[in-house]
Amino acid sequence: MVAVDPISHPAFIEAERFFRAFERRFSRFLPDSELSQLNRSTGAAFVASDEMLSLLTLALEMHRRTDGLFDPCVLTALEAAGYDRSFELVPADGEEAQQPIGATRFALVSIDVRGNEVRLPPGARIDLGGIGKGYAVDRAAELLAPLVDVLIDAGGDIAARGDGPDGDGWVVSIADPFDADRDLTTLRLHDEAIATSTTLRRRWRRSGEQRHHLIDPRTGRSADTDLVQVSVIAPSAVEADVFAKCALILGEERGVHLIDTHGYAACYVRTNETLSATGAWPQDATIAVERKTS
């Protein structure tokens, strides 16, 4: 987190505390987290915290806005593909577990805000990795709002508030998916957010085939797509996070249509290493890597 205002310590401390508490509450890898407790309650009523209700309500909104393509009820499929522990502990190779493929089910999750209750349909378990980081960044931006000029970066999910230290926007770089040590492009953000999703960072092999962490809820398997990375600019980090992932899952033709339909901007890299962007992408963005464009 970066802020222009030098007397920002109290707000920074509060935001840092929020990030730590958020991880403890929503990690699927901690058995005593609230998310793990919710997943163990499948089929029964679960008394949820206000933060959990807020996040799930927002996830349901994103589920509807993407016509079900964003679906947190992919945890069983994600674990079957091999991502069943913290990524640094995931074996590089192994056999894929067998699991039934079903229709998306997050629309069937019951969220009772007044009664503070959540009920997962029988057999459903959720993973909030597709929205949680964006949500945490947006909440931190709210906590830091009195500082006016602030940048929050949580591993690629970025919220920029204000006009930055030089008054000309916050400078943000997007990494080249084929070489993490190089920047693909650089741009300036003003009161907006950006998120990048890629299939090349969290990869492993199962049953002799490549797998990655982006599960297509329509198949229950790692998405088969002609894109390897999508970056989306949107008003909030949640929107940028969710729509970057959905566009990547859909592939270039349908993914670009999704982004354009919702009025966002996107830059994307294909599997053949070529680079392109939607019409709304900032025209002054600098291409920092020699890569073919089309």
C-alpha atoms as a PDB file:
ATOM      1  CA  MET A   1       0.000   0.000   0.000  1.00  0.00           C
ATOM      2  CA  VAL A   2       1.224   3.472  -0.914  1.00  0.00           C
ATOM      3  CA  ALA A   3      -0.247   6.859  -0.006  1.00  0.00           C
ATOM      4  CA  VAL A   4       0.704  10.406  -0.868  1.00  0.00           C
ATOM      5  CA  ASP A   5      -0.392  11.761   2.517  1.00  0.00           C
ATOM      6  CA  PRO A   6       2.562  11.367   4.956  1.00  0.00           C
ATOM      7  CA  ILE A   7       0.368  11.346   8.085  1.00  0.00           C
ATOM      8  CA  SER A   8      -1.415   8.175   7.069  1.00  0.00           C
ATOM      9  CA  HIS A   9      -0.128   5.686   9.650  1.00  0.00           C
ATOM     10  CA  PRO A  10      -3.369   5.045  11.600  1.00  0.00           C
ATOM     11  CA  ALA A  11      -5.306   4.265   8.415  1.00  0.00           C
ATOM     12  CA  PHE A  12      -2.501   2.027   7.159  1.00  0.00           C
ATOM     13  CA  ILE A  13      -2.469   0.057  10.390  1.00  0.00           C
ATOM     14  CA  GLU A  14      -6.236  -0.434  10.206  1.00  0.00           C
ATOM     15  CA  ALA A  15      -6.024  -1.595   6.575  1.00  0.00           C
ATOM     16  CA  GLU A  16      -3.194  -4.022   7.363  1.00  0.00           C
ATOM     17  CA  ARG A  17      -5.194  -5.475  10.244  1.00  0.00           C
ATOM     18  CA  PHE A  18      -8.131  -5.931   7.902  1.00  0.00           C
ATOM     19  CA  PHE A  19      -6.000  -7.855   5.378  1.00  0.00           C
ATOM     20  CA  ARG A  20      -4.691 -10.204   8.070  1.00  0.00           C
ATOM     21  CA  ALA A  21      -8.167 -10.816   9.507  1.00  0.00           C
ATOM     22  CA  PHE A  22      -9.581 -11.347   6.028  1.00  0.00           C
ATOM     23  CA  GLU A  23      -7.064 -14.106   5.288  1.00  0.00           C
ATOM     24  CA  ARG A  24      -7.874 -15.874   8.567  1.00  0.00           C
ATOM     25  CA  ARG A  25     -11.606 -15.697   7.882  1.00  0.00           C
ATOM     26  CA  PHE A  26     -11.762 -16.677   4.206  1.00  0.00           C
ATOM     27  CA  SER A  27      -8.827 -19.020   3.572  1.00  0.00           C
ATOM     28  CA  ARG A  28      -9.948 -22.446   2.377  1.00  0.00           C
ATOM     29  CA  PHE A  29      -6.639 -23.870   3.630  1.00  0.00           C
ATOM     30  CA  LEU A  30      -7.251 -23.030   7.319  1.00  0.00           C
ATOM     31  CA  PRO A  31      -9.561 -25.635   8.885  1.00  0.00           C
ATOM     32  CA  ASP A  32     -10.918 -23.196  11.479  1.00  0.00           C
ATOM     33  CA  SER A  33     -11.597 -20.329   9.054  1.00  0.00           C
ATOM     34  CA  GLU A  34     -15.174 -19.186   8.655  1.00  0.00           C
ATOM     35  CA  LEU A  35     -15.140 -20.347   5.034  1.00  0.00           C
ATOM     36  CA  SER A  36     -14.017 -23.849   6.033  1.00  0.00           C
ATOM     37  CA  GLN A  37     -16.753 -23.980   8.660  1.00  0.00           C
ATOM     38  CA  LEU A  38     -19.328 -22.905   6.073  1.00  0.00           C
ATOM     39  CA  ASN A  39     -18.175 -25.620   3.667  1.00  0.00           C
ATOM     40  CA  ARG A  40     -18.524 -28.248   6.392  1.00  0.00           C
ATOM     41  CA  SER A  41     -22.120 -27.128   7.019  1.00  0.00           C
ATOM     42  CA  THR A  42     -23.305 -27.984   3.493  1.00  0.00           C
ATOM     43  CA  GLY A  43     -27.038 -28.656   3.448  1.00  0.00           C
ATOM     44  CA  ALA A  44     -27.643 -26.980   6.808  1.00  0.00           C
ATOM     45  CA  ALA A  45     -28.148 -23.395   7.966  1.00  0.00           C
ATOM     46  CA  PHE A  46     -24.903 -21.587   8.859  1.00  0.00           C
ATOM     47  CA  VAL A  47     -24.779 -18.425  10.962  1.00  0.00           C
ATOM     48  CA  ALA A  48     -22.453 -16.113   9.047  1.00  0.00           C
ATOM     49  CA  SER A  49     -20.598 -12.943   9.918  1.00  0.00           C
ATOM     50  CA  ASP A  50     -21.586  -9.641   8.333  1.00  0.00           C
ATOM     51  CA  GLU A  51     -18.373  -9.726   6.277  1.00  0.00           C
ATOM     52  CA  MET A  52     -19.181 -13.196   4.970  1.00  0.00           C
ATOM     53  CA  LEU A  53     -22.717 -12.134   4.060  1.00  0.00           C
ATOM     54  CA  SER A  54     -21.421  -9.045   2.281  1.00  0.00           C
ATOM     55  CA  LEU A  55     -18.873 -11.050   0.266  1.00  0.00           C
ATOM     56  CA  LEU A  56     -21.331 -13.810  -0.658  1.00  0.00           C
ATOM     57  CA  THR A  57     -23.989 -11.282  -1.680  1.00  0.00           C
ATOM     58  CA  LEU A  58     -21.479  -9.586  -3.952  1.00  0.00           C
ATOM     59  CA  ALA A  59     -20.384 -12.975  -5.335  1.00  0.00           C
ATOM     60  CA  LEU A  60     -24.019 -13.764  -6.165  1.00  0.00           C
ATOM     61  CA  GLU A  61     -24.297 -10.447  -8.012  1.00  0.00           C
ATOM     62  CA  MET A  62     -21.176 -11.298 -10.047  1.00  0.00           C
ATOM     63  CA  HIS A  63     -22.575 -14.784 -10.716  1.00  0.00           C
ATOM     64  CA  ARG A  64     -25.688 -13.235 -12.216  1.00  0.00           C
ATOM     65  CA  ARG A  65     -23.822 -10.544 -14.171  1.00  0.00           C
ATOM     66  CA  THR A  66     -21.628 -13.184 -15.844  1.00  0.00           C
ATOM     67  CA  ASP A  67     -24.570 -15.498 -16.609  1.00  0.00           C
ATOM     68  CA  GLY A  68     -23.209 -18.058 -14.171  1.00  0.00           C
ATOM     69  CA  LEU A  69     -19.662 -18.195 -15.539  1.00  0.00           C
ATOM     70  CA  PHE A  70     -18.337 -16.847 -12.255  1.00  0.00           C
ATOM     71  CA  ASP A  71     -19.283 -19.626  -9.860  1.00  0.00           C
ATOM     72  CA  PRO A  72     -17.583 -20.113  -6.469  1.00  0.00           C
ATOM     73  CA  CYS A  73     -19.053 -23.636  -6.244  1.00  0.00           C
ATOM     74  CA  VAL A  74     -15.982 -25.075  -7.981  1.00  0.00           C
ATOM     75  CA  LEU A  75     -14.031 -26.170  -4.920  1.00  0.00           C
ATOM     76  CA  THR A  76     -14.615 -29.905  -5.458  1.00  0.00           C
ATOM     77  CA  ALA A  77     -13.474 -29.618  -9.074  1.00  0.00           C
ATOM     78  CA  LEU A  78     -10.479 -27.486  -8.071  1.00  0.00           C
ATOM     79  CA  GLU A  79      -9.366 -30.077  -5.522  1.00  0.00           C
ATOM     80  CA  ALA A  80      -9.959 -32.928  -7.969  1.00  0.00           C
ATOM     81  CA  ALA A  81      -7.684 -31.161 -10.457  1.00  0.00           C
ATOM     82  CA  GLY A  82      -4.941 -31.197  -7.799  1.00  0.00           C
ATOM     83  CA  TYR A  83      -5.188 -27.785  -6.127  1.00  0.00           C
ATOM     84  CA  ASP A  84      -6.112 -29.171  -2.714  1.00  0.00           C
ATOM     85  CA  ARG A  85      -3.520 -27.367  -0.580  1.00  0.00           C
ATOM     86  CA  SER A  86      -1.473 -24.146  -0.565  1.00  0.00           C
ATOM     87  CA  PHE A  87       0.022 -23.858  -4.033  1.00  0.00           C
ATOM     88  CA  GLU A  88       3.645 -24.173  -2.920  1.00  0.00           C
ATOM     89  CA  LEU A  89       2.722 -27.639  -1.559  1.00  0.00           C
ATOM     90  CA  VAL A  90       0.881 -28.860  -4.677  1.00  0.00           C
ATOM     91  CA  PRO A  91       2.843 -31.748  -6.297  1.00  0.00           C
ATOM     92  CA  ALA A  92       4.104 -30.865  -9.781  1.00  0.00           C
ATOM     93  CA  ASP A  93       2.793 -34.149 -11.195  1.00  0.00           C
ATOM     94  CA  GLY A  94       0.303 -36.834 -10.206  1.00  0.00           C
ATOM     95  CA  GLU A  95      -3.010 -38.517 -10.960  1.00  0.00           C
ATOM     96  CA  GLU A  96      -6.233 -36.553 -11.261  1.00  0.00           C
ATOM     97  CA  ALA A  97      -9.026 -37.513  -8.892  1.00  0.00           C
ATOM     98  CA  GLN A  98     -12.305 -38.606 -10.383  1.00  0.00           C
ATOM     99  CA  GLN A  99     -15.280 -36.406  -9.622  1.00  0.00           C
ATOM    100  CA  PRO A 100     -18.745 -35.930 -11.117  1.00  0.00           C
ATOM    101  CA  ILE A 101     -19.291 -32.949 -13.405  1.00  0.00           C
ATOM    102  CA  GLY A 102     -22.460 -31.034 -12.650  1.00  0.00           C
ATOM    103  CA  ALA A 103     -24.120 -27.761 -13.530  1.00  0.00           C
ATOM    104  CA  THR A 104     -23.173 -24.547 -11.768  1.00  0.00           C
ATOM    105  CA  ARG A 105     -24.899 -24.255  -8.414  1.00  0.00           C
ATOM    106  CA  PHE A 106     -24.011 -20.947  -6.792  1.00  0.00           C
ATOM    107  CA  ALA A 107     -27.409 -19.520  -7.733  1.00  0.00           C
ATOM    108  CA  LEU A 108     -28.890 -22.138  -5.385  1.00  0.00           C
ATOM    109  CA  VAL A 109     -26.994 -20.814  -2.362  1.00  0.00           C
ATOM    110  CA  SER A 110     -29.451 -19.269   0.106  1.00  0.00           C
ATOM    111  CA  ILE A 111     -28.293 -15.986   1.662  1.00  0.00           C
ATOM    112  CA  ASP A 112     -30.498 -14.542   4.397  1.00  0.00           C
ATOM    113  CA  VAL A 113     -28.963 -11.188   5.307  1.00  0.00           C
ATOM    114  CA  ARG A 114     -31.571 -10.328   7.935  1.00  0.00           C
ATOM    115  CA  GLY A 115     -31.219 -13.665   9.653  1.00  0.00           C
ATOM    116  CA  ASN A 116     -27.423 -13.833   9.157  1.00  0.00           C
ATOM    117  CA  GLU A 117     -27.806 -17.299   7.669  1.00  0.00           C
ATOM    118  CA  VAL A 118     -26.284 -19.006   4.669  1.00  0.00           C
ATOM    119  CA  ARG A 119     -27.320 -22.406   3.399  1.00  0.00           C
ATOM    120  CA  LEU A 120     -25.252 -24.247   0.794  1.00  0.00           C
ATOM    121  CA  PRO A 121     -27.121 -26.800  -1.345  1.00  0.00           C
ATOM    122  CA  PRO A 122     -26.260 -30.413  -0.448  1.00  0.00           C
ATOM    123  CA  GLY A 123     -22.804 -31.347  -1.706  1.00  0.00           C
ATOM    124  CA  ALA A 124     -21.829 -27.780  -2.616  1.00  0.00           C
ATOM    125  CA  ARG A 125     -18.560 -26.306  -1.350  1.00  0.00           C
ATOM    126  CA  ILE A 126     -17.247 -22.913  -2.337  1.00  0.00           C
ATOM    127  CA  ASP A 127     -13.910 -21.276  -3.038  1.00  0.00           C
ATOM    128  CA  LEU A 128     -13.779 -17.477  -2.824  1.00  0.00           C
ATOM    129  CA  GLY A 129     -10.378 -17.140  -4.486  1.00  0.00           C
ATOM    130  CA  GLY A 130     -11.977 -15.702  -7.610  1.00  0.00           C
ATOM    131  CA  ILE A 131     -13.380 -12.677  -5.796  1.00  0.00           C
ATOM    132  CA  GLY A 132     -11.814 -12.508  -2.336  1.00  0.00           C
ATOM    133  CA  LYS A 133      -8.646 -10.614  -3.240  1.00  0.00           C
ATOM    134  CA  GLY A 134     -10.565  -7.989  -5.187  1.00  0.00           C
ATOM    135  CA  TYR A 135     -13.038  -7.615  -2.331  1.00  0.00           C
ATOM    136  CA  ALA A 136     -10.219  -7.154   0.190  1.00  0.00           C
ATOM    137  CA  VAL A 137      -8.572  -4.500  -1.991  1.00  0.00           C
ATOM    138  CA  ASP A 138     -11.834  -2.573  -2.344  1.00  0.00           C
ATOM    139  CA  ARG A 139     -12.474  -2.726   1.411  1.00  0.00           C
ATOM    140  CA  ALA A 140      -8.944  -1.525   2.120  1.00  0.00           C
ATOM    141  CA  ALA A 141      -9.495   1.353  -0.310  1.00  0.00           C
ATOM    142  CA  GLU A 142     -12.603   2.297   1.676  1.00  0.00           C
ATOM    143  CA  LEU A 143     -10.625   2.282   4.922  1.00  0.00           C
ATOM    144  CA  LEU A 144      -7.957   4.468   3.330  1.00  0.00           C
ATOM    145  CA  ALA A 145     -10.439   6.808   1.625  1.00  0.00           C
ATOM    146  CA  PRO A 146      -9.678   9.793   3.924  1.00  0.00           C
ATOM    147  CA  LEU A 147      -6.135   9.844   2.497  1.00  0.00           C
ATOM    148  CA  VAL A 148      -7.501  10.757  -0.982  1.00  0.00           C
ATOM    149  CA  ASP A 149      -4.403   9.595  -2.905  1.00  0.00           C
ATOM    150  CA  VAL A 150      -3.651   5.927  -2.268  1.00  0.00           C
ATOM    151  CA  LEU A 151      -2.650   2.776  -4.160  1.00  0.00           C
ATOM    152  CA  ILE A 152      -3.444  -0.726  -2.880  1.00  0.00           C
ATOM    153  CA  ASP A 153      -1.747  -3.674  -4.595  1.00  0.00           C
ATOM    154  CA  ALA A 154      -2.536  -7.220  -3.460  1.00  0.00           C
ATOM    155  CA  GLY A 155      -0.582  -9.413  -5.832  1.00  0.00           C
ATOM    156  CA  GLY A 156      -1.966  -8.020  -9.080  1.00  0.00           C
ATOM    157  CA  ASP A 157      -5.336  -6.773  -7.864  1.00  0.00           C
ATOM    158  CA  ILE A 158      -4.853  -3.006  -7.659  1.00  0.00           C
ATOM    159  CA  ALA A 159      -7.072  -0.107  -6.597  1.00  0.00           C
ATOM    160  CA  ALA A 160      -5.848   3.402  -7.386  1.00  0.00           C
ATOM    161  CA  ARG A 161      -7.557   6.307  -5.668  1.00  0.00           C
ATOM    162  CA  GLY A 162      -6.817   9.921  -6.475  1.00  0.00           C
ATOM    163  CA  ASP A 163      -4.288  11.205  -9.005  1.00  0.00           C
ATOM    164  CA  GLY A 164      -1.045   9.817  -7.582  1.00  0.00           C
ATOM    165  CA  PRO A 165       2.111  11.540  -6.321  1.00  0.00           C
ATOM    166  CA  ASP A 166       2.664  13.670  -9.434  1.00  0.00           C
ATOM    167  CA  GLY A 167      -0.987  14.457 -10.077  1.00  0.00           C
ATOM    168  CA  ASP A 168      -0.947  12.574 -13.374  1.00  0.00           C
ATOM    169  CA  GLY A 169      -2.272   9.237 -12.186  1.00  0.00           C
ATOM    170  CA  TRP A 170      -0.794   6.196 -10.487  1.00  0.00           C
ATOM    171  CA  VAL A 171       1.756   4.357 -12.655  1.00  0.00           C
ATOM    172  CA  VAL A 172       0.974   0.634 -12.861  1.00  0.00           C
ATOM    173  CA  SER A 173       2.849  -2.084 -14.752  1.00  0.00           C
ATOM    174  CA  ILE A 174       1.552  -5.451 -15.965  1.00  0.00           C
ATOM    175  CA  ALA A 175       4.006  -8.346 -15.981  1.00  0.00           C
ATOM    176  CA  ASP A 176       4.765 -10.307 -19.133  1.00  0.00           C
ATOM    177  CA  PRO A 177       3.134 -13.736 -18.565  1.00  0.00           C
ATOM    178  CA  PHE A 178       6.023 -15.447 -20.365  1.00  0.00           C
ATOM    179  CA  ASP A 179       8.716 -13.657 -18.319  1.00  0.00           C
ATOM    180  CA  ALA A 180       7.742 -12.439 -14.851  1.00  0.00           C
ATOM    181  CA  ASP A 181      10.896 -10.335 -14.614  1.00  0.00           C
ATOM    182  CA  ARG A 182       9.757  -8.080 -17.460  1.00  0.00           C
ATOM    183  CA  ASP A 183       6.850  -5.669 -17.785  1.00  0.00           C
ATOM    184  CA  LEU A 184       4.403  -6.165 -20.600  1.00  0.00           C
ATOM    185  CA  THR A 185       2.861  -2.699 -20.479  1.00  0.00           C
ATOM    186  CA  THR A 186       2.688   0.388 -18.261  1.00  0.00           C
ATOM    187  CA  LEU A 187      -0.275   2.705 -17.781  1.00  0.00           C
ATOM    188  CA  ARG A 188      -1.704   5.344 -15.421  1.00  0.00           C
ATOM    189  CA  LEU A 189      -4.819   4.880 -13.317  1.00  0.00           C
ATOM    190  CA  HIS A 190      -7.154   7.536 -11.883  1.00  0.00           C
ATOM    191  CA  ASP A 191      -9.799   6.411  -9.373  1.00  0.00           C
ATOM    192  CA  GLU A 192     -10.113   2.951 -10.897  1.00  0.00           C
ATOM    193  CA  ALA A 193      -8.931  -0.604 -10.413  1.00  0.00           C
ATOM    194  CA  ILE A 194      -7.090  -3.219 -12.446  1.00  0.00           C
ATOM    195  CA  ALA A 195      -6.688  -6.963 -12.046  1.00  0.00           C
ATOM    196  CA  THR A 196      -4.710  -9.505 -14.032  1.00  0.00           C
ATOM    197  CA  SER A 197      -5.494 -13.192 -14.383  1.00  0.00           C
ATOM    198  CA  THR A 198      -3.174 -15.732 -16.010  1.00  0.00           C
ATOM    199  CA  THR A 199      -3.021 -19.473 -16.557  1.00  0.00           C
ATOM    200  CA  LEU A 200       0.797 -19.541 -16.538  1.00  0.00           C
ATOM    201  CA  ARG A 201       1.557 -18.916 -12.857  1.00  0.00           C
ATOM    202  CA  ARG A 202      -0.331 -21.668 -11.036  1.00  0.00           C
ATOM    203  CA  ARG A 203       0.179 -24.738 -13.200  1.00  0.00           C
ATOM    204  CA  TRP A 204       0.864 -28.407 -12.557  1.00  0.00           C
ATOM    205  CA  ARG A 205       0.334 -31.770 -14.262  1.00  0.00           C
ATOM    206  CA  ARG A 206      -2.272 -34.414 -13.544  1.00  0.00           C
ATOM    207  CA  SER A 207      -2.762 -37.653 -15.478  1.00  0.00           C
ATOM    208  CA  GLY A 208      -0.104 -36.454 -17.933  1.00  0.00           C
ATOM    209  CA  GLU A 209      -1.908 -33.197 -18.786  1.00  0.00           C
ATOM    210  CA  GLN A 210      -1.370 -29.572 -17.812  1.00  0.00           C
ATOM    211  CA  ARG A 211      -3.778 -28.171 -15.238  1.00  0.00           C
ATOM    212  CA  HIS A 212      -4.224 -24.645 -13.887  1.00  0.00           C
ATOM    213  CA  HIS A 213      -6.316 -22.976 -11.190  1.00  0.00           C
ATOM    214  CA  LEU A 214      -8.996 -21.398 -13.419  1.00  0.00           C
ATOM    215  CA  ILE A 215     -11.842 -23.888 -13.399  1.00  0.00           C
ATOM    216  CA  ASP A 216     -14.509 -23.602 -16.074  1.00  0.00           C
ATOM    217  CA  PRO A 217     -17.741 -24.295 -14.130  1.00  0.00           C
ATOM    218  CA  ARG A 218     -19.373 -25.577 -17.318  1.00  0.00           C
ATOM    219  CA  THR A 219     -16.959 -28.520 -17.495  1.00  0.00           C
ATOM    220  CA  GLY A 220     -15.522 -28.788 -13.983  1.00  0.00           C
ATOM    221  CA  ARG A 221     -12.008 -28.773 -15.467  1.00  0.00           C
ATOM    222  CA  SER A 222      -9.205 -26.261 -15.970  1.00  0.00           C
ATOM    223  CA  ALA A 223     -10.375 -23.873 -18.690  1.00  0.00           C
ATOM    224  CA  ASP A 224      -9.370 -24.722 -22.262  1.00  0.00           C
ATOM    225  CA  THR A 225      -8.732 -21.246 -23.706  1.00  0.00           C
ATOM    226  CA  ASP A 226      -6.754 -19.488 -26.429  1.00  0.00           C
ATOM    227  CA  LEU A 227      -5.654 -16.797 -23.953  1.00  0.00           C
ATOM    228  CA  VAL A 228      -2.937 -17.006 -21.293  1.00  0.00           C
ATOM    229  CA  GLN A 229      -3.474 -13.644 -19.597  1.00  0.00           C
ATOM    230  CA  VAL A 230      -6.148 -10.966 -19.306  1.00  0.00           C
ATOM    231  CA  SER A 231      -5.929  -7.624 -17.496  1.00  0.00           C
ATOM    232  CA  VAL A 232      -9.123  -5.646 -16.913  1.00  0.00           C
ATOM    233  CA  ILE A 233      -9.643  -2.022 -15.848  1.00  0.00           C
ATOM    234  CA  ALA A 234     -12.913  -1.413 -13.992  1.00  0.00           C
ATOM    235  CA  PRO A 235     -14.367   0.898 -11.324  1.00  0.00           C
ATOM    236  CA  SER A 236     -13.746  -1.695  -8.572  1.00  0.00           C
ATOM    237  CA  ALA A 237     -11.172  -4.412  -7.948  1.00  0.00           C
ATOM    238  CA  VAL A 238     -13.956  -6.989  -7.600  1.00  0.00           C
ATOM    239  CA  GLU A 239     -15.248  -6.223 -11.081  1.00  0.00           C
ATOM    240  CA  ALA A 240     -11.742  -6.223 -12.546  1.00  0.00           C
ATOM    241  CA  ASP A 241     -10.880  -9.498 -10.788  1.00  0.00           C
ATOM    242  CA  VAL A 242     -14.042 -11.385 -11.734  1.00  0.00           C
ATOM    243  CA  PHE A 243     -14.239 -10.213 -15.340  1.00  0.00           C
ATOM    244  CA  ALA A 244     -10.534 -10.819 -16.016  1.00  0.00           C
ATOM    245  CA  LYS A 245     -11.006 -14.436 -14.948  1.00  0.00           C
ATOM    246  CA  CYS A 246     -14.236 -14.878 -16.893  1.00  0.00           C
ATOM    247  CA  ALA A 247     -12.795 -13.359 -20.077  1.00  0.00           C
ATOM    248  CA  LEU A 248      -9.781 -15.653 -19.779  1.00  0.00           C
ATOM    249  CA  ILE A 249     -12.031 -18.702 -19.383  1.00  0.00           C
ATOM    250  CA  LEU A 250     -14.180 -17.711 -22.377  1.00  0.00           C
ATOM    251  CA  GLY A 251     -11.264 -17.078 -24.732  1.00  0.00           C
ATOM    252  CA  GLU A 252     -10.663 -14.164 -27.062  1.00  0.00           C
ATOM    253  CA  GLU A 253     -13.858 -13.866 -29.093  1.00  0.00           C
ATOM    254  CA  ARG A 254     -16.420 -14.307 -26.330  1.00  0.00           C
ATOM    255  CA  GLY A 255     -14.179 -12.821 -23.653  1.00  0.00           C
ATOM    256  CA  VAL A 256     -13.709  -9.548 -25.528  1.00  0.00           C
ATOM    257  CA  HIS A 257     -17.458  -9.405 -26.134  1.00  0.00           C
ATOM    258  CA  LEU A 258     -18.068  -9.844 -22.390  1.00  0.00           C
ATOM    259  CA  ILE A 259     -15.661  -7.017 -21.530  1.00  0.00           C
ATOM    260  CA  ASP A 260     -17.070  -4.666 -24.169  1.00  0.00           C
ATOM    261  CA  THR A 261     -20.656  -5.411 -23.172  1.00  0.00           C
ATOM    262  CA  HIS A 262     -19.982  -4.317 -19.584  1.00  0.00           C
ATOM    263  CA  GLY A 263     -18.022  -1.221 -20.585  1.00  0.00           C
ATOM    264  CA  TYR A 264     -14.648  -2.272 -19.179  1.00  0.00           C
ATOM    265  CA  ALA A 265     -11.198  -2.142 -20.802  1.00  0.00           C
ATOM    266  CA  ALA A 266      -8.917  -5.131 -21.275  1.00  0.00           C
ATOM    267  CA  CYS A 267      -5.462  -6.078 -22.505  1.00  0.00           C
ATOM    268  CA  TYR A 268      -4.865  -9.744 -23.300  1.00  0.00           C
ATOM    269  CA  VAL A 269      -2.143 -12.147 -24.413  1.00  0.00           C
ATOM    270  CA  ARG A 270      -2.851 -15.167 -26.575  1.00  0.00           C
ATOM    271  CA  THR A 271      -1.271 -18.615 -26.342  1.00  0.00           C
ATOM    272  CA  ASN A 272       0.802 -17.744 -29.446  1.00  0.00           C
ATOM    273  CA  GLU A 273       2.323 -14.878 -27.378  1.00  0.00           C
ATOM    274  CA  THR A 274       0.667 -12.066 -29.366  1.00  0.00           C
ATOM    275  CA  LEU A 275      -0.813  -9.087 -27.549  1.00  0.00           C
ATOM    276  CA  SER A 276      -3.995  -7.113 -28.158  1.00  0.00           C
ATOM    277  CA  ALA A 277      -6.451  -4.846 -26.323  1.00  0.00           C
ATOM    278  CA  THR A 278     -10.063  -3.756 -26.456  1.00  0.00           C
ATOM    279  CA  GLY A 279     -10.984  -0.357 -27.867  1.00  0.00           C
ATOM    280  CA  ALA A 280     -11.435   1.144 -24.404  1.00  0.00           C
ATOM    281  CA  TRP A 281      -7.863   0.333 -23.319  1.00  0.00           C
ATOM    282  CA  PRO A 282      -5.913   3.569 -22.559  1.00  0.00           C
ATOM    283  CA  GLN A 283      -4.321   4.859 -25.744  1.00  0.00           C
ATOM    284  CA  ASP A 284      -1.341   6.251 -23.826  1.00  0.00           C
ATOM    285  CA  ALA A 285      -0.410   2.875 -22.300  1.00  0.00           C
ATOM    286  CA  THR A 286       3.258   2.075 -22.984  1.00  0.00           C
ATOM    287  CA  ILE A 287       4.148  -1.310 -24.481  1.00  0.00           C
ATOM    288  CA  ALA A 288       7.288  -2.256 -22.554  1.00  0.00           C
ATOM    289  CA  VAL A 289       7.990  -5.635 -24.163  1.00  0.00           C
ATOM    290  CA  GLU A 290       8.738  -6.369 -27.800  1.00  0.00           C
ATOM    291  CA  ARG A 291       5.789  -8.625 -28.546  1.00  0.00           C
ATOM    292  CA  LYS A 292       3.716  -8.935 -31.665  1.00  0.00           C
ATOM    293  CA  THR A 293       0.356  -7.153 -31.581  1.00  0.00           C
ATOM    294  CA  SER A 294      -2.763  -7.590 -33.648  1.00  0.00           C
END
